[in-house]
Amino acid sequence: MPERTVFQSMSQRHVISLGPQANIWEAACLMTKANCGSVLILDAASALLGILTERDLMTRVLAKALDPQKTPVSEVMTRSPYCVAPEVRVADAVLIMIERGFRHLPIVGPGNKIMGVFSVRDALPREIGAAVSLAEFHEQVNDALG
Protein backbone atom coordinates (compact mmCIF):
# COMPACT_ATOMS: atom_id res chain seq x y z
CA MET A 1 0.00 0.00 0.00
CA PRO A 2 1.46 3.40 -0.98
CA GLU A 3 2.13 5.86 1.80
CA ARG A 4 -0.47 8.57 2.24
CA THR A 5 0.33 12.24 1.85
CA VAL A 6 -0.65 14.91 4.34
CA PHE A 7 -3.22 16.30 1.92
CA GLN A 8 -4.82 12.87 1.45
CA SER A 9 -4.95 12.40 5.22
CA MET A 10 -6.50 15.69 6.32
CA SER A 11 -9.77 15.19 8.15
CA GLN A 12 -10.96 18.73 7.33
CA ARG A 13 -10.46 20.06 3.81
CA HIS A 14 -11.65 23.62 4.40
CA VAL A 15 -9.36 26.30 5.78
CA ILE A 16 -10.31 27.69 9.18
CA SER A 17 -8.94 31.23 9.33
CA LEU A 18 -9.24 34.68 10.85
CA GLY A 19 -7.61 38.05 10.32
CA PRO A 20 -4.93 39.31 12.72
CA GLN A 21 -7.31 41.85 14.27
CA ALA A 22 -9.73 39.13 15.51
CA ASN A 23 -9.70 38.56 19.24
CA ILE A 24 -8.96 35.37 21.15
CA TRP A 25 -12.61 34.86 22.08
CA GLU A 26 -13.59 34.87 18.38
CA ALA A 27 -10.82 32.39 17.61
CA ALA A 28 -11.88 30.04 20.42
CA CYS A 29 -15.51 30.18 19.29
CA LEU A 30 -14.52 29.45 15.67
CA MET A 31 -12.30 26.53 16.70
CA THR A 32 -15.09 25.12 18.87
CA LYS A 33 -17.70 25.47 16.11
CA ALA A 34 -15.38 23.86 13.53
CA ASN A 35 -14.25 21.18 16.01
CA CYS A 36 -10.59 21.81 15.26
CA GLY A 37 -7.50 22.50 17.32
CA SER A 38 -6.10 25.42 15.35
CA VAL A 39 -6.96 28.45 13.27
CA LEU A 40 -4.75 30.04 10.62
CA ILE A 41 -4.19 33.78 10.81
CA LEU A 42 -4.23 35.35 7.33
CA ASP A 43 -3.75 38.90 6.09
CA ALA A 44 -6.16 40.64 3.70
CA ALA A 45 -4.38 39.05 0.70
CA SER A 46 -4.76 35.55 2.26
CA ALA A 47 -1.05 35.29 3.08
CA LEU A 48 -0.25 33.17 6.13
CA LEU A 49 0.85 35.27 9.10
CA GLY A 50 0.58 32.67 11.85
CA ILE A 51 -1.32 29.87 13.51
CA LEU A 52 -3.20 29.85 16.79
CA THR A 53 -3.61 26.50 18.53
CA GLU A 54 -5.33 25.13 21.61
CA ARG A 55 -1.92 25.00 23.27
CA ASP A 56 -1.40 28.71 22.51
CA LEU A 57 -4.75 29.48 24.14
CA MET A 58 -3.71 27.60 27.27
CA THR A 59 -0.11 28.77 27.61
CA ARG A 60 -0.22 32.27 26.13
CA VAL A 61 -3.70 33.40 27.13
CA LEU A 62 -5.13 31.49 30.11
CA ALA A 63 -1.85 30.99 31.96
CA LYS A 64 -1.14 34.72 31.62
CA ALA A 65 -4.70 35.76 32.54
CA LEU A 66 -5.16 37.77 29.33
CA ASP A 67 -8.66 39.02 28.52
CA PRO A 68 -9.79 36.94 25.51
CA GLN A 69 -12.15 39.66 24.29
CA LYS A 70 -9.46 42.36 24.36
CA THR A 71 -6.46 40.36 23.16
CA PRO A 72 -5.93 40.16 19.38
CA VAL A 73 -4.83 36.82 17.96
CA SER A 74 -1.78 38.56 16.47
CA GLU A 75 -0.37 39.01 20.00
CA VAL A 76 -0.35 35.31 20.88
CA MET A 77 -0.22 33.38 17.61
CA THR A 78 2.82 31.44 16.45
CA ARG A 79 4.26 33.64 13.72
CA SER A 80 5.55 32.24 10.41
CA PRO A 81 4.71 28.62 11.24
CA TYR A 82 6.60 25.73 9.69
CA CYS A 83 4.61 24.55 6.64
CA VAL A 84 4.69 21.50 4.39
CA ALA A 85 3.74 20.81 0.78
CA PRO A 86 0.63 18.69 0.10
CA GLU A 87 2.71 15.79 -1.24
CA VAL A 88 4.74 15.31 1.97
CA ARG A 89 4.31 11.79 3.35
CA VAL A 90 2.40 11.45 6.62
CA ALA A 91 5.33 9.71 8.35
CA ASP A 92 7.65 12.57 7.38
CA ALA A 93 5.15 15.15 8.66
CA VAL A 94 4.79 13.31 11.97
CA LEU A 95 8.59 13.17 12.29
CA ILE A 96 8.74 16.95 11.77
CA MET A 97 6.11 17.42 14.46
CA ILE A 98 7.92 15.10 16.90
CA GLU A 99 11.30 16.75 16.35
CA ARG A 100 9.95 20.32 16.49
CA GLY A 101 7.39 19.79 19.26
CA PHE A 102 4.14 20.80 17.62
CA ARG A 103 0.90 19.12 16.52
CA HIS A 104 -0.32 21.17 13.57
CA LEU A 105 1.30 21.79 10.17
CA PRO A 106 -0.21 24.19 7.65
CA ILE A 107 -0.22 22.72 4.15
CA VAL A 108 0.83 25.18 1.47
CA GLY A 109 0.70 24.34 -2.23
CA PRO A 110 1.97 25.99 -5.40
CA GLY A 111 1.72 29.76 -5.42
CA ASN A 112 1.60 29.78 -1.60
CA LYS A 113 -2.01 28.54 -1.73
CA ILE A 114 -3.09 27.47 1.75
CA MET A 115 -4.73 24.06 1.47
CA GLY A 116 -5.46 23.30 5.11
CA VAL A 117 -3.83 22.07 8.29
CA PHE A 118 -2.47 18.59 8.94
CA SER A 119 -2.97 17.56 12.55
CA VAL A 120 -1.26 14.75 14.40
CA ARG A 121 -4.81 13.35 14.78
CA ASP A 122 -4.86 12.85 11.01
CA ALA A 123 -2.02 10.31 11.22
CA LEU A 124 -2.67 6.62 11.67
CA PRO A 125 -0.88 4.71 14.46
CA ARG A 126 1.16 2.89 11.79
CA GLU A 127 2.56 6.17 10.50
CA ILE A 128 3.14 7.54 13.99
CA GLY A 129 5.08 4.37 14.82
CA ALA A 130 7.18 4.74 11.67
CA ALA A 131 7.95 8.37 12.51
CA VAL A 132 8.91 7.51 16.11
CA SER A 133 11.24 4.79 14.83
CA LEU A 134 12.82 7.25 12.41
CA ALA A 135 13.22 9.86 15.18
CA GLU A 136 14.92 7.28 17.40
CA PHE A 137 17.22 6.32 14.53
CA HIS A 138 18.15 10.00 13.97
CA GLU A 139 18.89 10.35 17.68
CA GLN A 140 21.13 7.24 17.64
CA VAL A 141 23.02 8.52 14.59
CA ASN A 142 23.51 11.94 16.21
CA ASP A 143 24.75 10.28 19.41
CA ALA A 144 27.18 8.10 17.43
CA LEU A 145 28.53 11.09 15.51
CA GLY A 146 29.04 13.09 18.66
C-alpha atoms as a PDB file:
ATOM      1  CA  MET A   1       0.000   0.000   0.000  1.00  0.00           C
ATOM      2  CA  PRO A   2       1.465   3.401  -0.981  1.00  0.00           C
ATOM      3  CA  GLU A   3       2.133   5.865   1.796  1.00  0.00           C
ATOM      4  CA  ARG A   4      -0.469   8.570   2.237  1.00  0.00           C
ATOM      5  CA  THR A   5       0.333  12.239   1.847  1.00  0.00           C
ATOM      6  CA  VAL A   6      -0.654  14.912   4.340  1.00  0.00           C
ATOM      7  CA  PHE A   7      -3.219  16.303   1.917  1.00  0.00           C
ATOM      8  CA  GLN A   8      -4.824  12.870   1.452  1.00  0.00           C
ATOM      9  CA  SER A   9      -4.950  12.401   5.220  1.00  0.00           C
ATOM     10  CA  MET A  10      -6.496  15.691   6.317  1.00  0.00           C
ATOM     11  CA  SER A  11      -9.769  15.194   8.146  1.00  0.00           C
ATOM     12  CA  GLN A  12     -10.956  18.730   7.327  1.00  0.00           C
ATOM     13  CA  ARG A  13     -10.462  20.057   3.815  1.00  0.00           C
ATOM     14  CA  HIS A  14     -11.648  23.625   4.401  1.00  0.00           C
ATOM     15  CA  VAL A  15      -9.361  26.299   5.782  1.00  0.00           C
ATOM     16  CA  ILE A  16     -10.310  27.695   9.184  1.00  0.00           C
ATOM     17  CA  SER A  17      -8.936  31.231   9.334  1.00  0.00           C
ATOM     18  CA  LEU A  18      -9.243  34.682  10.854  1.00  0.00           C
ATOM     19  CA  GLY A  19      -7.610  38.047  10.317  1.00  0.00           C
ATOM     20  CA  PRO A  20      -4.926  39.308  12.716  1.00  0.00           C
ATOM     21  CA  GLN A  21      -7.309  41.846  14.272  1.00  0.00           C
ATOM     22  CA  ALA A  22      -9.731  39.127  15.510  1.00  0.00           C
ATOM     23  CA  ASN A  23      -9.702  38.555  19.241  1.00  0.00           C
ATOM     24  CA  ILE A  24      -8.963  35.369  21.155  1.00  0.00           C
ATOM     25  CA  TRP A  25     -12.613  34.863  22.082  1.00  0.00           C
ATOM     26  CA  GLU A  26     -13.593  34.869  18.378  1.00  0.00           C
ATOM     27  CA  ALA A  27     -10.822  32.390  17.615  1.00  0.00           C
ATOM     28  CA  ALA A  28     -11.876  30.037  20.418  1.00  0.00           C
ATOM     29  CA  CYS A  29     -15.509  30.182  19.286  1.00  0.00           C
ATOM     30  CA  LEU A  30     -14.524  29.448  15.667  1.00  0.00           C
ATOM     31  CA  MET A  31     -12.298  26.528  16.702  1.00  0.00           C
ATOM     32  CA  THR A  32     -15.090  25.120  18.866  1.00  0.00           C
ATOM     33  CA  LYS A  33     -17.700  25.469  16.109  1.00  0.00           C
ATOM     34  CA  ALA A  34     -15.375  23.864  13.529  1.00  0.00           C
ATOM     35  CA  ASN A  35     -14.246  21.184  16.010  1.00  0.00           C
ATOM     36  CA  CYS A  36     -10.586  21.813  15.258  1.00  0.00           C
ATOM     37  CA  GLY A  37      -7.496  22.503  17.323  1.00  0.00           C
ATOM     38  CA  SER A  38      -6.104  25.425  15.354  1.00  0.00           C
ATOM     39  CA  VAL A  39      -6.960  28.452  13.266  1.00  0.00           C
ATOM     40  CA  LEU A  40      -4.755  30.040  10.616  1.00  0.00           C
ATOM     41  CA  ILE A  41      -4.194  33.785  10.807  1.00  0.00           C
ATOM     42  CA  LEU A  42      -4.229  35.350   7.333  1.00  0.00           C
ATOM     43  CA  ASP A  43      -3.749  38.897   6.095  1.00  0.00           C
ATOM     44  CA  ALA A  44      -6.156  40.640   3.696  1.00  0.00           C
ATOM     45  CA  ALA A  45      -4.378  39.047   0.698  1.00  0.00           C
ATOM     46  CA  SER A  46      -4.761  35.551   2.258  1.00  0.00           C
ATOM     47  CA  ALA A  47      -1.052  35.295   3.080  1.00  0.00           C
ATOM     48  CA  LEU A  48      -0.245  33.172   6.129  1.00  0.00           C
ATOM     49  CA  LEU A  49       0.852  35.272   9.103  1.00  0.00           C
ATOM     50  CA  GLY A  50       0.581  32.673  11.847  1.00  0.00           C
ATOM     51  CA  ILE A  51      -1.318  29.870  13.510  1.00  0.00           C
ATOM     52  CA  LEU A  52      -3.196  29.854  16.793  1.00  0.00           C
ATOM     53  CA  THR A  53      -3.612  26.503  18.527  1.00  0.00           C
ATOM     54  CA  GLU A  54      -5.327  25.130  21.607  1.00  0.00           C
ATOM     55  CA  ARG A  55      -1.915  25.005  23.272  1.00  0.00           C
ATOM     56  CA  ASP A  56      -1.400  28.706  22.514  1.00  0.00           C
ATOM     57  CA  LEU A  57      -4.749  29.479  24.136  1.00  0.00           C
ATOM     58  CA  MET A  58      -3.711  27.597  27.265  1.00  0.00           C
ATOM     59  CA  THR A  59      -0.106  28.771  27.611  1.00  0.00           C
ATOM     60  CA  ARG A  60      -0.216  32.272  26.127  1.00  0.00           C
ATOM     61  CA  VAL A  61      -3.703  33.397  27.129  1.00  0.00           C
ATOM     62  CA  LEU A  62      -5.132  31.489  30.105  1.00  0.00           C
ATOM     63  CA  ALA A  63      -1.847  30.990  31.959  1.00  0.00           C
ATOM     64  CA  LYS A  64      -1.137  34.720  31.625  1.00  0.00           C
ATOM     65  CA  ALA A  65      -4.704  35.758  32.535  1.00  0.00           C
ATOM     66  CA  LEU A  66      -5.163  37.765  29.330  1.00  0.00           C
ATOM     67  CA  ASP A  67      -8.657  39.017  28.517  1.00  0.00           C
ATOM     68  CA  PRO A  68      -9.794  36.943  25.507  1.00  0.00           C
ATOM     69  CA  GLN A  69     -12.153  39.664  24.286  1.00  0.00           C
ATOM     70  CA  LYS A  70      -9.459  42.356  24.363  1.00  0.00           C
ATOM     71  CA  THR A  71      -6.459  40.362  23.157  1.00  0.00           C
ATOM     72  CA  PRO A  72      -5.933  40.156  19.376  1.00  0.00           C
ATOM     73  CA  VAL A  73      -4.826  36.820  17.958  1.00  0.00           C
ATOM     74  CA  SER A  74      -1.782  38.555  16.468  1.00  0.00           C
ATOM     75  CA  GLU A  75      -0.372  39.010  20.002  1.00  0.00           C
ATOM     76  CA  VAL A  76      -0.351  35.311  20.884  1.00  0.00           C
ATOM     77  CA  MET A  77      -0.219  33.376  17.606  1.00  0.00           C
ATOM     78  CA  THR A  78       2.820  31.441  16.453  1.00  0.00           C
ATOM     79  CA  ARG A  79       4.259  33.639  13.716  1.00  0.00           C
ATOM     80  CA  SER A  80       5.548  32.240  10.411  1.00  0.00           C
ATOM     81  CA  PRO A  81       4.712  28.620  11.238  1.00  0.00           C
ATOM     82  CA  TYR A  82       6.598  25.727   9.691  1.00  0.00           C
ATOM     83  CA  CYS A  83       4.612  24.554   6.637  1.00  0.00           C
ATOM     84  CA  VAL A  84       4.691  21.500   4.387  1.00  0.00           C
ATOM     85  CA  ALA A  85       3.739  20.807   0.783  1.00  0.00           C
ATOM     86  CA  PRO A  86       0.626  18.689   0.101  1.00  0.00           C
ATOM     87  CA  GLU A  87       2.713  15.790  -1.238  1.00  0.00           C
ATOM     88  CA  VAL A  88       4.743  15.310   1.969  1.00  0.00           C
ATOM     89  CA  ARG A  89       4.308  11.792   3.353  1.00  0.00           C
ATOM     90  CA  VAL A  90       2.402  11.453   6.620  1.00  0.00           C
ATOM     91  CA  ALA A  91       5.325   9.707   8.352  1.00  0.00           C
ATOM     92  CA  ASP A  92       7.650  12.571   7.375  1.00  0.00           C
ATOM     93  CA  ALA A  93       5.152  15.150   8.664  1.00  0.00           C
ATOM     94  CA  VAL A  94       4.793  13.310  11.968  1.00  0.00           C
ATOM     95  CA  LEU A  95       8.585  13.165  12.288  1.00  0.00           C
ATOM     96  CA  ILE A  96       8.739  16.953  11.768  1.00  0.00           C
ATOM     97  CA  MET A  97       6.107  17.425  14.462  1.00  0.00           C
ATOM     98  CA  ILE A  98       7.918  15.103  16.904  1.00  0.00           C
ATOM     99  CA  GLU A  99      11.298  16.745  16.351  1.00  0.00           C
ATOM    100  CA  ARG A 100       9.954  20.316  16.494  1.00  0.00           C
ATOM    101  CA  GLY A 101       7.391  19.790  19.257  1.00  0.00           C
ATOM    102  CA  PHE A 102       4.139  20.799  17.625  1.00  0.00           C
ATOM    103  CA  ARG A 103       0.898  19.120  16.524  1.00  0.00           C
ATOM    104  CA  HIS A 104      -0.315  21.173  13.565  1.00  0.00           C
ATOM    105  CA  LEU A 105       1.298  21.785  10.172  1.00  0.00           C
ATOM    106  CA  PRO A 106      -0.207  24.188   7.652  1.00  0.00           C
ATOM    107  CA  ILE A 107      -0.216  22.720   4.153  1.00  0.00           C
ATOM    108  CA  VAL A 108       0.834  25.182   1.466  1.00  0.00           C
ATOM    109  CA  GLY A 109       0.702  24.341  -2.231  1.00  0.00           C
ATOM    110  CA  PRO A 110       1.974  25.991  -5.396  1.00  0.00           C
ATOM    111  CA  GLY A 111       1.718  29.764  -5.425  1.00  0.00           C
ATOM    112  CA  ASN A 112       1.599  29.780  -1.600  1.00  0.00           C
ATOM    113  CA  LYS A 113      -2.009  28.541  -1.729  1.00  0.00           C
ATOM    114  CA  ILE A 114      -3.087  27.465   1.754  1.00  0.00           C
ATOM    115  CA  MET A 115      -4.732  24.062   1.467  1.00  0.00           C
ATOM    116  CA  GLY A 116      -5.463  23.297   5.112  1.00  0.00           C
ATOM    117  CA  VAL A 117      -3.832  22.071   8.291  1.00  0.00           C
ATOM    118  CA  PHE A 118      -2.474  18.592   8.939  1.00  0.00           C
ATOM    119  CA  SER A 119      -2.967  17.562  12.553  1.00  0.00           C
ATOM    120  CA  VAL A 120      -1.264  14.749  14.398  1.00  0.00           C
ATOM    121  CA  ARG A 121      -4.814  13.350  14.776  1.00  0.00           C
ATOM    122  CA  ASP A 122      -4.857  12.847  11.006  1.00  0.00           C
ATOM    123  CA  ALA A 123      -2.022  10.309  11.215  1.00  0.00           C
ATOM    124  CA  LEU A 124      -2.665   6.623  11.669  1.00  0.00           C
ATOM    125  CA  PRO A 125      -0.884   4.706  14.462  1.00  0.00           C
ATOM    126  CA  ARG A 126       1.156   2.893  11.785  1.00  0.00           C
ATOM    127  CA  GLU A 127       2.563   6.167  10.501  1.00  0.00           C
ATOM    128  CA  ILE A 128       3.138   7.539  13.991  1.00  0.00           C
ATOM    129  CA  GLY A 129       5.077   4.367  14.823  1.00  0.00           C
ATOM    130  CA  ALA A 130       7.181   4.737  11.671  1.00  0.00           C
ATOM    131  CA  ALA A 131       7.951   8.375  12.510  1.00  0.00           C
ATOM    132  CA  VAL A 132       8.906   7.514  16.106  1.00  0.00           C
ATOM    133  CA  SER A 133      11.242   4.787  14.829  1.00  0.00           C
ATOM    134  CA  LEU A 134      12.817   7.252  12.412  1.00  0.00           C
ATOM    135  CA  ALA A 135      13.223   9.857  15.182  1.00  0.00           C
ATOM    136  CA  GLU A 136      14.917   7.276  17.402  1.00  0.00           C
ATOM    137  CA  PHE A 137      17.216   6.315  14.528  1.00  0.00           C
ATOM    138  CA  HIS A 138      18.152   9.998  13.965  1.00  0.00           C
ATOM    139  CA  GLU A 139      18.893  10.346  17.679  1.00  0.00           C
ATOM    140  CA  GLN A 140      21.133   7.240  17.644  1.00  0.00           C
ATOM    141  CA  VAL A 141      23.017   8.517  14.588  1.00  0.00           C
ATOM    142  CA  ASN A 142      23.507  11.940  16.210  1.00  0.00           C
ATOM    143  CA  ASP A 143      24.751  10.282  19.410  1.00  0.00           C
ATOM    144  CA  ALA A 144      27.179   8.104  17.434  1.00  0.00           C
ATOM    145  CA  LEU A 145      28.527  11.091  15.506  1.00  0.00           C
ATOM    146  CA  GLY A 146      29.035  13.090  18.665  1.00  0.00           C
END
